Amino acid sequence: MDLASDAILPYLSDRYEQLRYETNHRNRLPPPAARHPDTEASRSLNISPTYMDQTDLFEGQREFIQNWMDQCRKLAHDDGRTVRVIAAHPDAGLVTLAGPRTQQSLAVGRVTFFSVTNDREDWDARAYGYLSELIQFEGDREVPLRTIFSNYGTNLSQDIMVLGNSSKRNNQDGSAGFFGEGVKVAINRLTAAGAVINYYTMDNKWSFTY
């Protein structure tokens, strides 16, 4: 059964919301960060689209994973804890639909979901974030439609998008970032390749343009 990506995405989004709900209600969440709405929601990248165009797109995705995990580690460090990564069972993220000429269910996509919590399994278990990918099946191919990174108890200010600024320069929690350019270059490369990247923070939605 072949479906366009805009047809399958709502089903994948529903499954993602189910997995997110289960994570939120299985663990305590950090207190919400202070909210300070921005006056400017769209920001020019101020970088040439060809800057570091030899960078592989997978490496660009890696920068988001690294920043996401670094923030999870920082939140755990602030709690005096270490982190653990919990992967949802593959069957939990599988999305099936009935075929048009038969009632047999066919797999049309899946949602991968990884949550990061502290090292406790009792009432003090706390979630620090999650990573999820919504994937459509096209024959033997798996086509990623959307990747979501979320950190709880975290807000960002727009000055972190200035090349060279880094919020991790003085961190003592094992963060990998330091120079303040990795994720900016990643946003630039992915945007130049046609990807749409949005940040949701402090009741704001950031988008990136040239």
N, C-alpha and C. Protein backbone atom coordinates (compact mmCIF):
# COMPACT_ATOMS: atom_id res chain seq x y z
N MET A 1 0.85 -1.19 0.00
CA MET A 1 0.00 0.00 0.00
C MET A 1 0.88 1.24 0.00
N ASP A 2 0.80 2.03 -1.04
CA ASP A 2 1.61 3.23 -1.17
C ASP A 2 0.80 4.45 -0.76
N LEU A 3 1.33 5.22 0.18
CA LEU A 3 0.67 6.43 0.65
C LEU A 3 1.66 7.58 0.56
N ALA A 4 1.17 8.76 0.22
CA ALA A 4 2.00 9.95 0.22
C ALA A 4 2.39 10.27 1.66
N SER A 5 3.53 10.95 1.82
CA SER A 5 4.02 11.25 3.15
C SER A 5 3.04 12.10 3.95
N ASP A 6 2.32 13.02 3.29
CA ASP A 6 1.37 13.85 4.03
C ASP A 6 0.15 13.04 4.47
N ALA A 7 -0.07 11.85 3.86
CA ALA A 7 -1.17 11.00 4.28
C ALA A 7 -0.79 10.14 5.47
N ILE A 8 0.44 9.66 5.52
CA ILE A 8 0.88 8.78 6.60
C ILE A 8 1.33 9.56 7.83
N LEU A 9 1.77 10.82 7.65
CA LEU A 9 2.32 11.59 8.77
C LEU A 9 1.35 11.73 9.94
N PRO A 10 0.05 11.96 9.74
CA PRO A 10 -0.85 12.07 10.89
C PRO A 10 -0.89 10.79 11.73
N TYR A 11 -0.80 9.62 11.09
CA TYR A 11 -0.80 8.36 11.83
C TYR A 11 0.49 8.19 12.63
N LEU A 12 1.61 8.57 12.02
CA LEU A 12 2.88 8.52 12.74
C LEU A 12 2.88 9.52 13.89
N SER A 13 2.30 10.69 13.67
CA SER A 13 2.25 11.72 14.72
C SER A 13 1.41 11.24 15.91
N ASP A 14 0.31 10.55 15.63
CA ASP A 14 -0.53 10.01 16.71
C ASP A 14 0.26 9.01 17.55
N ARG A 15 1.01 8.13 16.89
CA ARG A 15 1.79 7.14 17.63
C ARG A 15 2.89 7.82 18.44
N TYR A 16 3.52 8.83 17.86
CA TYR A 16 4.52 9.61 18.59
C TYR A 16 3.92 10.23 19.85
N GLU A 17 2.73 10.81 19.75
CA GLU A 17 2.09 11.43 20.90
C GLU A 17 1.79 10.39 21.98
N GLN A 18 1.42 9.18 21.60
CA GLN A 18 1.17 8.12 22.57
C GLN A 18 2.44 7.77 23.34
N LEU A 19 3.54 7.63 22.62
CA LEU A 19 4.81 7.30 23.27
C LEU A 19 5.28 8.44 24.16
N ARG A 20 5.10 9.66 23.71
CA ARG A 20 5.49 10.82 24.53
C ARG A 20 4.65 10.89 25.80
N TYR A 21 3.35 10.63 25.68
CA TYR A 21 2.45 10.65 26.84
C TYR A 21 2.88 9.61 27.87
N GLU A 22 3.22 8.43 27.40
CA GLU A 22 3.64 7.37 28.32
C GLU A 22 4.91 7.76 29.06
N THR A 23 5.85 8.38 28.36
CA THR A 23 7.09 8.82 29.00
C THR A 23 6.83 9.90 30.04
N ASN A 24 6.01 10.88 29.69
CA ASN A 24 5.72 11.99 30.60
C ASN A 24 5.04 11.51 31.88
N HIS A 25 4.21 10.50 31.78
CA HIS A 25 3.44 10.06 32.95
C HIS A 25 4.12 8.92 33.70
N ARG A 26 5.22 8.41 33.17
CA ARG A 26 5.97 7.38 33.87
C ARG A 26 7.07 7.99 34.73
N ASN A 27 7.43 9.24 34.46
CA ASN A 27 8.54 9.88 35.16
C ASN A 27 8.15 11.29 35.59
N ARG A 28 8.78 11.76 36.65
CA ARG A 28 8.63 13.17 37.01
C ARG A 28 9.42 14.00 36.01
N LEU A 29 8.99 15.25 35.81
CA LEU A 29 9.66 16.15 34.90
C LEU A 29 10.35 17.26 35.68
N PRO A 30 11.47 17.80 35.14
CA PRO A 30 12.11 18.94 35.80
C PRO A 30 11.15 20.12 35.85
N PRO A 31 11.35 21.04 36.78
CA PRO A 31 10.49 22.22 36.80
C PRO A 31 10.64 23.01 35.51
N PRO A 32 9.56 23.62 35.02
CA PRO A 32 9.65 24.39 33.77
C PRO A 32 10.59 25.57 33.90
N ALA A 33 11.30 25.85 32.83
CA ALA A 33 12.20 27.00 32.80
C ALA A 33 11.39 28.29 32.63
N ALA A 34 12.00 29.41 33.01
CA ALA A 34 11.33 30.70 32.87
C ALA A 34 11.04 30.99 31.41
N ARG A 35 9.93 31.68 31.15
CA ARG A 35 9.52 31.99 29.78
C ARG A 35 9.75 33.47 29.50
N HIS A 36 10.40 33.74 28.39
CA HIS A 36 10.67 35.12 27.97
C HIS A 36 10.43 35.20 26.46
N PRO A 37 9.21 35.55 26.04
CA PRO A 37 8.92 35.58 24.60
C PRO A 37 9.87 36.50 23.85
N ASP A 38 10.27 36.05 22.66
CA ASP A 38 11.15 36.85 21.80
C ASP A 38 10.34 37.84 20.98
N THR A 39 11.01 38.86 20.52
CA THR A 39 10.35 39.81 19.62
C THR A 39 10.57 39.42 18.16
N GLU A 40 11.51 38.51 17.92
CA GLU A 40 11.84 38.10 16.55
C GLU A 40 11.85 36.59 16.48
N ALA A 41 10.90 36.01 15.74
CA ALA A 41 10.78 34.56 15.69
C ALA A 41 11.55 33.95 14.53
N SER A 42 11.79 34.70 13.47
CA SER A 42 12.52 34.20 12.32
C SER A 42 13.87 34.90 12.26
N ARG A 43 14.91 34.12 12.04
CA ARG A 43 16.25 34.68 12.09
C ARG A 43 17.04 34.29 10.85
N SER A 44 17.72 35.27 10.24
CA SER A 44 18.60 34.96 9.12
C SER A 44 19.80 34.19 9.63
N LEU A 45 20.21 33.17 8.89
CA LEU A 45 21.37 32.39 9.29
C LEU A 45 22.67 33.19 9.20
N ASN A 46 22.69 34.19 8.33
CA ASN A 46 23.87 35.04 8.16
C ASN A 46 25.12 34.21 7.84
N ILE A 47 24.91 33.10 7.14
CA ILE A 47 26.01 32.23 6.69
C ILE A 47 25.72 31.88 5.23
N SER A 48 26.72 31.80 4.42
CA SER A 48 26.51 31.40 3.03
C SER A 48 25.98 29.98 2.96
N PRO A 49 25.02 29.70 2.08
CA PRO A 49 24.52 28.33 1.94
C PRO A 49 25.59 27.33 1.56
N THR A 50 26.72 27.80 1.00
CA THR A 50 27.78 26.88 0.60
C THR A 50 28.86 26.72 1.66
N TYR A 51 28.68 27.37 2.81
CA TYR A 51 29.69 27.27 3.87
C TYR A 51 29.79 25.83 4.36
N MET A 52 30.99 25.26 4.32
CA MET A 52 31.25 23.88 4.72
C MET A 52 30.32 22.91 3.99
N ASP A 53 30.14 23.13 2.68
CA ASP A 53 29.21 22.29 1.94
C ASP A 53 29.74 20.88 1.71
N GLN A 54 30.96 20.59 2.16
CA GLN A 54 31.46 19.23 2.08
C GLN A 54 31.01 18.40 3.29
N THR A 55 30.34 19.06 4.25
CA THR A 55 29.89 18.36 5.45
C THR A 55 28.77 17.39 5.11
N ASP A 56 28.89 16.15 5.55
CA ASP A 56 27.87 15.14 5.30
C ASP A 56 26.63 15.46 6.12
N LEU A 57 25.44 15.21 5.56
CA LEU A 57 24.19 15.53 6.25
C LEU A 57 24.02 14.71 7.52
N PHE A 58 24.54 13.48 7.52
CA PHE A 58 24.43 12.69 8.74
C PHE A 58 25.20 13.36 9.87
N GLU A 59 26.36 13.93 9.53
CA GLU A 59 27.13 14.65 10.54
C GLU A 59 26.35 15.85 11.05
N GLY A 60 25.55 16.46 10.16
CA GLY A 60 24.72 17.57 10.60
C GLY A 60 23.68 17.13 11.60
N GLN A 61 23.08 15.97 11.35
CA GLN A 61 22.12 15.42 12.31
C GLN A 61 22.81 15.08 13.63
N ARG A 62 24.04 14.63 13.55
CA ARG A 62 24.78 14.25 14.75
C ARG A 62 24.93 15.43 15.71
N GLU A 63 25.10 16.64 15.18
CA GLU A 63 25.26 17.80 16.05
C GLU A 63 24.02 18.02 16.91
N PHE A 64 22.83 17.79 16.36
CA PHE A 64 21.61 17.94 17.14
C PHE A 64 21.53 16.87 18.23
N ILE A 65 21.91 15.65 17.88
CA ILE A 65 21.92 14.57 18.87
C ILE A 65 22.86 14.90 20.01
N GLN A 66 24.06 15.40 19.66
CA GLN A 66 25.05 15.72 20.68
C GLN A 66 24.55 16.83 21.61
N ASN A 67 23.99 17.90 21.05
CA ASN A 67 23.49 18.99 21.89
C ASN A 67 22.35 18.53 22.78
N TRP A 68 21.46 17.71 22.21
CA TRP A 68 20.34 17.18 22.99
C TRP A 68 20.84 16.34 24.16
N MET A 69 21.79 15.45 23.90
CA MET A 69 22.30 14.58 24.96
C MET A 69 23.10 15.36 25.98
N ASP A 70 23.85 16.36 25.52
CA ASP A 70 24.61 17.20 26.46
C ASP A 70 23.68 17.88 27.45
N GLN A 71 22.54 18.37 26.98
CA GLN A 71 21.61 19.04 27.88
C GLN A 71 20.97 18.04 28.84
N CYS A 72 20.69 16.83 28.38
CA CYS A 72 20.18 15.79 29.29
C CYS A 72 21.20 15.52 30.39
N ARG A 73 22.47 15.44 30.02
CA ARG A 73 23.52 15.20 31.02
C ARG A 73 23.62 16.37 32.00
N LYS A 74 23.47 17.60 31.50
CA LYS A 74 23.54 18.77 32.38
C LYS A 74 22.40 18.74 33.40
N LEU A 75 21.18 18.43 32.94
CA LEU A 75 20.05 18.37 33.86
C LEU A 75 20.27 17.30 34.91
N ALA A 76 20.80 16.15 34.50
CA ALA A 76 21.09 15.08 35.47
C ALA A 76 22.19 15.50 36.43
N HIS A 77 23.22 16.16 35.90
CA HIS A 77 24.32 16.64 36.74
C HIS A 77 23.81 17.61 37.79
N ASP A 78 22.90 18.49 37.40
CA ASP A 78 22.32 19.44 38.35
C ASP A 78 21.54 18.73 39.45
N ASP A 79 21.00 17.54 39.13
CA ASP A 79 20.27 16.73 40.12
C ASP A 79 21.19 15.82 40.92
N GLY A 80 22.48 15.81 40.58
CA GLY A 80 23.40 14.90 41.24
C GLY A 80 23.21 13.46 40.79
N ARG A 81 22.74 13.27 39.56
CA ARG A 81 22.45 11.94 39.04
C ARG A 81 23.21 11.69 37.74
N THR A 82 23.16 10.44 37.28
CA THR A 82 23.65 10.09 35.96
C THR A 82 22.45 9.73 35.09
N VAL A 83 22.68 9.64 33.78
CA VAL A 83 21.57 9.41 32.86
C VAL A 83 21.53 7.95 32.40
N ARG A 84 20.37 7.55 31.96
CA ARG A 84 20.22 6.28 31.26
C ARG A 84 19.27 6.52 30.09
N VAL A 85 19.50 5.80 29.00
CA VAL A 85 18.69 5.93 27.79
C VAL A 85 17.78 4.71 27.68
N ILE A 86 16.49 4.95 27.49
CA ILE A 86 15.51 3.88 27.40
C ILE A 86 14.88 3.92 26.01
N ALA A 87 14.98 2.82 25.29
CA ALA A 87 14.40 2.74 23.95
C ALA A 87 13.04 2.07 24.02
N ALA A 88 12.04 2.67 23.36
CA ALA A 88 10.73 2.05 23.28
C ALA A 88 10.85 0.75 22.47
N HIS A 89 10.06 -0.25 22.83
CA HIS A 89 10.08 -1.51 22.09
C HIS A 89 9.70 -1.24 20.63
N PRO A 90 10.41 -1.85 19.67
CA PRO A 90 10.11 -1.59 18.25
C PRO A 90 8.65 -1.78 17.90
N ASP A 91 8.00 -2.78 18.50
CA ASP A 91 6.59 -3.03 18.18
C ASP A 91 5.69 -1.89 18.65
N ALA A 92 6.13 -1.17 19.70
CA ALA A 92 5.31 -0.08 20.23
C ALA A 92 5.18 1.06 19.24
N GLY A 93 6.17 1.22 18.37
CA GLY A 93 6.14 2.34 17.43
C GLY A 93 5.66 1.97 16.05
N LEU A 94 5.29 0.70 15.83
CA LEU A 94 4.87 0.27 14.49
C LEU A 94 3.47 0.79 14.17
N VAL A 95 3.30 1.32 12.97
CA VAL A 95 2.01 1.85 12.52
C VAL A 95 1.51 0.98 11.38
N THR A 96 0.30 0.41 11.54
CA THR A 96 -0.29 -0.44 10.52
C THR A 96 -1.65 0.11 10.11
N LEU A 97 -2.00 -0.12 8.85
CA LEU A 97 -3.29 0.29 8.32
C LEU A 97 -3.87 -0.85 7.48
N ALA A 98 -5.19 -0.92 7.41
CA ALA A 98 -5.84 -1.94 6.59
C ALA A 98 -5.70 -1.58 5.12
N GLY A 99 -5.42 -2.59 4.28
CA GLY A 99 -5.28 -2.37 2.85
C GLY A 99 -6.61 -2.00 2.22
N PRO A 100 -6.59 -1.37 1.04
CA PRO A 100 -7.83 -0.90 0.39
C PRO A 100 -8.74 -2.04 -0.08
N ARG A 101 -8.17 -3.20 -0.40
CA ARG A 101 -8.98 -4.31 -0.92
C ARG A 101 -9.04 -5.50 0.04
N THR A 102 -8.42 -5.37 1.16
CA THR A 102 -8.40 -6.47 2.13
C THR A 102 -8.38 -5.89 3.52
N GLN A 103 -8.81 -6.68 4.49
CA GLN A 103 -8.79 -6.23 5.87
C GLN A 103 -7.46 -6.55 6.55
N GLN A 104 -6.53 -7.12 5.80
CA GLN A 104 -5.23 -7.44 6.37
C GLN A 104 -4.46 -6.15 6.67
N SER A 105 -3.89 -6.09 7.86
CA SER A 105 -3.13 -4.89 8.25
C SER A 105 -1.75 -4.91 7.62
N LEU A 106 -1.35 -3.77 7.10
CA LEU A 106 -0.04 -3.63 6.49
C LEU A 106 0.75 -2.57 7.24
N ALA A 107 2.04 -2.84 7.47
CA ALA A 107 2.90 -1.87 8.14
C ALA A 107 3.24 -0.74 7.18
N VAL A 108 2.95 0.49 7.58
CA VAL A 108 3.21 1.65 6.71
C VAL A 108 4.30 2.56 7.26
N GLY A 109 4.70 2.35 8.51
CA GLY A 109 5.73 3.19 9.09
C GLY A 109 5.98 2.82 10.53
N ARG A 110 6.92 3.52 11.13
CA ARG A 110 7.21 3.27 12.54
C ARG A 110 7.74 4.55 13.18
N VAL A 111 7.65 4.56 14.48
CA VAL A 111 8.16 5.68 15.27
C VAL A 111 9.21 5.15 16.24
N THR A 112 10.43 5.60 16.10
CA THR A 112 11.44 5.26 17.10
C THR A 112 11.37 6.29 18.22
N PHE A 113 11.60 5.86 19.45
CA PHE A 113 11.46 6.77 20.58
C PHE A 113 12.47 6.37 21.65
N PHE A 114 13.34 7.32 22.00
CA PHE A 114 14.34 7.12 23.05
C PHE A 114 14.13 8.19 24.12
N SER A 115 13.93 7.77 25.34
CA SER A 115 13.79 8.72 26.44
C SER A 115 15.04 8.65 27.32
N VAL A 116 15.39 9.78 27.92
CA VAL A 116 16.53 9.86 28.82
C VAL A 116 16.03 10.21 30.21
N THR A 117 16.36 9.38 31.18
CA THR A 117 15.95 9.60 32.56
C THR A 117 17.18 9.55 33.46
N ASN A 118 16.96 9.77 34.75
CA ASN A 118 18.06 9.57 35.68
C ASN A 118 18.19 8.08 36.01
N ASP A 119 19.09 7.76 36.93
CA ASP A 119 19.40 6.36 37.22
C ASP A 119 18.51 5.76 38.30
N ARG A 120 17.36 6.38 38.57
CA ARG A 120 16.45 5.87 39.58
C ARG A 120 15.26 5.16 38.93
N GLU A 121 14.72 4.17 39.59
CA GLU A 121 13.56 3.45 39.09
C GLU A 121 12.38 3.55 40.04
N ASP A 122 12.49 4.38 41.06
CA ASP A 122 11.43 4.50 42.04
C ASP A 122 10.69 5.82 41.82
N TRP A 123 10.08 6.34 42.87
CA TRP A 123 9.31 7.57 42.76
C TRP A 123 10.16 8.76 42.36
N ASP A 124 11.49 8.64 42.50
CA ASP A 124 12.37 9.77 42.18
C ASP A 124 12.87 9.72 40.74
N ALA A 125 12.34 8.80 39.92
CA ALA A 125 12.73 8.76 38.51
C ALA A 125 12.30 10.06 37.83
N ARG A 126 13.20 10.62 37.07
CA ARG A 126 12.92 11.90 36.42
C ARG A 126 13.35 11.85 34.96
N ALA A 127 12.52 12.35 34.06
CA ALA A 127 12.83 12.39 32.63
C ALA A 127 13.52 13.71 32.29
N TYR A 128 14.52 13.65 31.42
CA TYR A 128 15.25 14.84 31.01
C TYR A 128 15.04 15.20 29.54
N GLY A 129 14.51 14.26 28.78
CA GLY A 129 14.26 14.56 27.37
C GLY A 129 13.99 13.30 26.58
N TYR A 130 13.73 13.50 25.29
CA TYR A 130 13.50 12.36 24.40
C TYR A 130 13.90 12.71 22.97
N LEU A 131 14.16 11.67 22.20
CA LEU A 131 14.47 11.79 20.78
C LEU A 131 13.53 10.84 20.05
N SER A 132 12.91 11.32 19.00
CA SER A 132 11.97 10.48 18.25
C SER A 132 12.11 10.74 16.76
N GLU A 133 11.95 9.68 15.97
CA GLU A 133 11.99 9.81 14.52
C GLU A 133 10.76 9.14 13.92
N LEU A 134 10.09 9.85 13.02
CA LEU A 134 8.90 9.34 12.34
C LEU A 134 9.32 8.88 10.95
N ILE A 135 9.10 7.59 10.68
CA ILE A 135 9.64 6.95 9.49
C ILE A 135 8.52 6.31 8.68
N GLN A 136 8.53 6.55 7.38
CA GLN A 136 7.55 5.94 6.48
C GLN A 136 8.21 4.79 5.72
N PHE A 137 7.46 3.69 5.53
CA PHE A 137 7.93 2.57 4.72
C PHE A 137 7.52 2.81 3.27
N GLU A 138 8.49 2.70 2.36
CA GLU A 138 8.21 2.76 0.93
C GLU A 138 8.86 1.54 0.28
N GLY A 139 8.09 0.46 0.15
CA GLY A 139 8.67 -0.79 -0.32
C GLY A 139 9.68 -1.29 0.68
N ASP A 140 10.92 -1.49 0.23
CA ASP A 140 11.99 -1.94 1.11
C ASP A 140 12.74 -0.78 1.76
N ARG A 141 12.33 0.46 1.45
CA ARG A 141 13.03 1.63 1.97
C ARG A 141 12.33 2.17 3.22
N GLU A 142 13.12 2.77 4.10
CA GLU A 142 12.60 3.49 5.26
C GLU A 142 12.95 4.96 5.07
N VAL A 143 11.93 5.80 4.98
CA VAL A 143 12.14 7.22 4.67
C VAL A 143 11.82 8.06 5.91
N PRO A 144 12.82 8.69 6.53
CA PRO A 144 12.55 9.56 7.68
C PRO A 144 11.77 10.80 7.24
N LEU A 145 10.68 11.07 7.94
CA LEU A 145 9.87 12.25 7.63
C LEU A 145 10.10 13.38 8.62
N ARG A 146 10.39 13.02 9.86
CA ARG A 146 10.54 14.07 10.88
C ARG A 146 11.38 13.52 12.03
N THR A 147 12.28 14.35 12.54
CA THR A 147 13.06 14.01 13.72
C THR A 147 12.80 15.06 14.79
N ILE A 148 12.56 14.60 16.02
CA ILE A 148 12.19 15.50 17.11
C ILE A 148 13.15 15.30 18.28
N PHE A 149 13.76 16.39 18.73
CA PHE A 149 14.60 16.38 19.92
C PHE A 149 13.94 17.27 20.96
N SER A 150 13.82 16.78 22.17
CA SER A 150 13.19 17.58 23.21
C SER A 150 13.95 17.45 24.52
N ASN A 151 14.23 18.59 25.15
CA ASN A 151 14.80 18.63 26.50
C ASN A 151 13.80 19.27 27.43
N TYR A 152 13.51 18.62 28.54
CA TYR A 152 12.61 19.19 29.53
C TYR A 152 13.34 20.24 30.37
N GLY A 153 12.57 21.16 30.95
CA GLY A 153 13.14 22.15 31.86
C GLY A 153 14.21 23.02 31.22
N THR A 154 14.07 23.29 29.93
CA THR A 154 15.12 24.00 29.19
C THR A 154 14.51 25.07 28.30
N ASN A 155 15.09 26.25 28.33
CA ASN A 155 14.74 27.32 27.41
C ASN A 155 16.00 27.89 26.80
N LEU A 156 15.90 28.37 25.59
CA LEU A 156 17.04 28.92 24.86
C LEU A 156 16.81 30.38 24.55
N SER A 157 17.89 31.16 24.56
CA SER A 157 17.83 32.55 24.14
C SER A 157 18.50 32.67 22.78
N GLN A 158 18.09 33.66 21.99
CA GLN A 158 18.56 33.73 20.61
C GLN A 158 20.04 34.02 20.50
N ASP A 159 20.69 34.51 21.55
CA ASP A 159 22.12 34.80 21.42
C ASP A 159 22.94 33.53 21.27
N ILE A 160 22.36 32.35 21.57
CA ILE A 160 23.12 31.12 21.35
C ILE A 160 23.28 30.81 19.87
N MET A 161 22.50 31.50 19.02
CA MET A 161 22.61 31.28 17.59
C MET A 161 23.69 32.14 16.94
N VAL A 162 24.38 32.95 17.73
CA VAL A 162 25.51 33.72 17.21
C VAL A 162 26.71 32.79 17.09
N LEU A 163 27.34 32.75 15.92
CA LEU A 163 28.48 31.88 15.69
C LEU A 163 29.59 32.20 16.69
N GLY A 164 30.02 31.20 17.43
CA GLY A 164 31.06 31.39 18.45
C GLY A 164 30.54 31.42 19.86
N ASN A 165 29.25 31.70 20.04
CA ASN A 165 28.66 31.65 21.38
C ASN A 165 28.36 30.21 21.76
N SER A 166 28.69 29.83 22.98
CA SER A 166 28.43 28.48 23.46
C SER A 166 27.97 28.52 24.89
N SER A 167 26.86 27.85 25.18
CA SER A 167 26.37 27.76 26.56
C SER A 167 27.10 26.68 27.34
N LYS A 168 27.98 25.92 26.66
CA LYS A 168 28.64 24.78 27.31
C LYS A 168 30.11 25.03 27.59
N ARG A 169 30.56 26.26 27.41
CA ARG A 169 31.99 26.55 27.52
C ARG A 169 32.55 26.25 28.91
N ASN A 170 31.75 26.50 29.94
CA ASN A 170 32.24 26.31 31.31
C ASN A 170 31.55 25.16 32.04
N ASN A 171 30.85 24.32 31.30
CA ASN A 171 30.14 23.21 31.93
C ASN A 171 31.11 22.18 32.50
N GLN A 172 30.71 21.57 33.61
CA GLN A 172 31.50 20.54 34.26
C GLN A 172 30.82 19.18 34.20
N ASP A 173 29.93 18.98 33.23
CA ASP A 173 29.12 17.77 33.20
C ASP A 173 29.48 16.84 32.05
N GLY A 174 30.63 17.07 31.41
CA GLY A 174 31.05 16.19 30.33
C GLY A 174 30.51 16.57 28.97
N SER A 175 29.99 17.79 28.81
CA SER A 175 29.45 18.22 27.52
C SER A 175 30.55 18.24 26.47
N ALA A 176 30.15 17.90 25.23
CA ALA A 176 31.13 17.82 24.14
C ALA A 176 31.35 19.16 23.46
N GLY A 177 30.35 20.03 23.44
CA GLY A 177 30.46 21.29 22.72
C GLY A 177 31.36 22.29 23.43
N PHE A 178 31.95 23.20 22.68
CA PHE A 178 32.81 24.21 23.29
C PHE A 178 32.90 25.45 22.41
N PHE A 179 33.11 25.28 21.11
CA PHE A 179 33.44 26.41 20.24
C PHE A 179 32.21 27.19 19.79
N GLY A 180 31.02 26.63 19.90
CA GLY A 180 29.81 27.38 19.56
C GLY A 180 29.56 27.51 18.08
N GLU A 181 29.94 26.50 17.30
CA GLU A 181 29.68 26.56 15.87
C GLU A 181 29.01 25.31 15.31
N GLY A 182 29.08 24.20 16.00
CA GLY A 182 28.62 22.93 15.45
C GLY A 182 27.18 22.93 14.98
N VAL A 183 26.25 23.28 15.87
CA VAL A 183 24.84 23.19 15.49
C VAL A 183 24.46 24.30 14.52
N LYS A 184 25.16 25.45 14.58
CA LYS A 184 24.86 26.51 13.61
C LYS A 184 25.21 26.06 12.19
N VAL A 185 26.38 25.41 12.05
CA VAL A 185 26.77 24.90 10.74
C VAL A 185 25.80 23.80 10.30
N ALA A 186 25.37 22.97 11.25
CA ALA A 186 24.42 21.91 10.92
C ALA A 186 23.10 22.48 10.42
N ILE A 187 22.59 23.50 11.09
CA ILE A 187 21.35 24.15 10.65
C ILE A 187 21.53 24.72 9.25
N ASN A 188 22.69 25.35 9.03
CA ASN A 188 22.96 25.94 7.72
C ASN A 188 22.99 24.87 6.63
N ARG A 189 23.70 23.76 6.87
CA ARG A 189 23.82 22.73 5.85
C ARG A 189 22.48 22.07 5.56
N LEU A 190 21.71 21.77 6.60
CA LEU A 190 20.43 21.11 6.40
C LEU A 190 19.42 22.04 5.73
N THR A 191 19.43 23.33 6.11
CA THR A 191 18.54 24.30 5.47
C THR A 191 18.89 24.45 4.00
N ALA A 192 20.18 24.50 3.69
CA ALA A 192 20.62 24.61 2.30
C ALA A 192 20.20 23.39 1.48
N ALA A 193 20.08 22.24 2.14
CA ALA A 193 19.69 21.01 1.46
C ALA A 193 18.17 20.88 1.32
N GLY A 194 17.43 21.85 1.88
CA GLY A 194 15.98 21.84 1.73
C GLY A 194 15.21 21.37 2.94
N ALA A 195 15.90 21.04 4.02
CA ALA A 195 15.22 20.62 5.24
C ALA A 195 14.59 21.83 5.94
N VAL A 196 13.52 21.59 6.67
CA VAL A 196 12.86 22.63 7.47
C VAL A 196 13.18 22.35 8.93
N ILE A 197 13.80 23.31 9.59
CA ILE A 197 14.20 23.15 10.99
C ILE A 197 13.49 24.20 11.82
N ASN A 198 12.84 23.75 12.88
CA ASN A 198 12.16 24.65 13.79
C ASN A 198 12.60 24.37 15.22
N TYR A 199 12.76 25.42 15.99
CA TYR A 199 13.01 25.31 17.43
C TYR A 199 11.77 25.85 18.15
N TYR A 200 11.32 25.15 19.17
CA TYR A 200 10.21 25.61 20.00
C TYR A 200 10.76 25.82 21.41
N THR A 201 10.80 27.07 21.86
CA THR A 201 11.36 27.37 23.16
C THR A 201 10.74 28.65 23.70
N MET A 202 10.48 28.70 24.98
CA MET A 202 9.94 29.90 25.64
C MET A 202 8.69 30.43 24.94
N ASP A 203 7.78 29.55 24.58
CA ASP A 203 6.54 29.93 23.89
C ASP A 203 6.80 30.53 22.51
N ASN A 204 7.98 30.28 21.95
CA ASN A 204 8.33 30.81 20.64
C ASN A 204 8.63 29.68 19.67
N LYS A 205 8.45 29.97 18.40
CA LYS A 205 8.89 29.07 17.34
C LYS A 205 9.93 29.80 16.51
N TRP A 206 11.15 29.24 16.48
CA TRP A 206 12.20 29.82 15.66
C TRP A 206 12.27 29.08 14.33
N SER A 207 12.38 29.82 13.25
CA SER A 207 12.64 29.25 11.94
C SER A 207 13.86 29.93 11.36
N PHE A 208 14.47 29.32 10.35
CA PHE A 208 15.75 29.81 9.85
C PHE A 208 15.67 30.04 8.34
N THR A 209 16.19 31.17 7.90
CA THR A 209 16.12 31.56 6.50
C THR A 209 17.47 32.15 6.06
N TYR A 210 17.58 32.40 4.76
CA TYR A 210 18.74 33.11 4.21
C TYR A 210 18.33 34.54 3.86
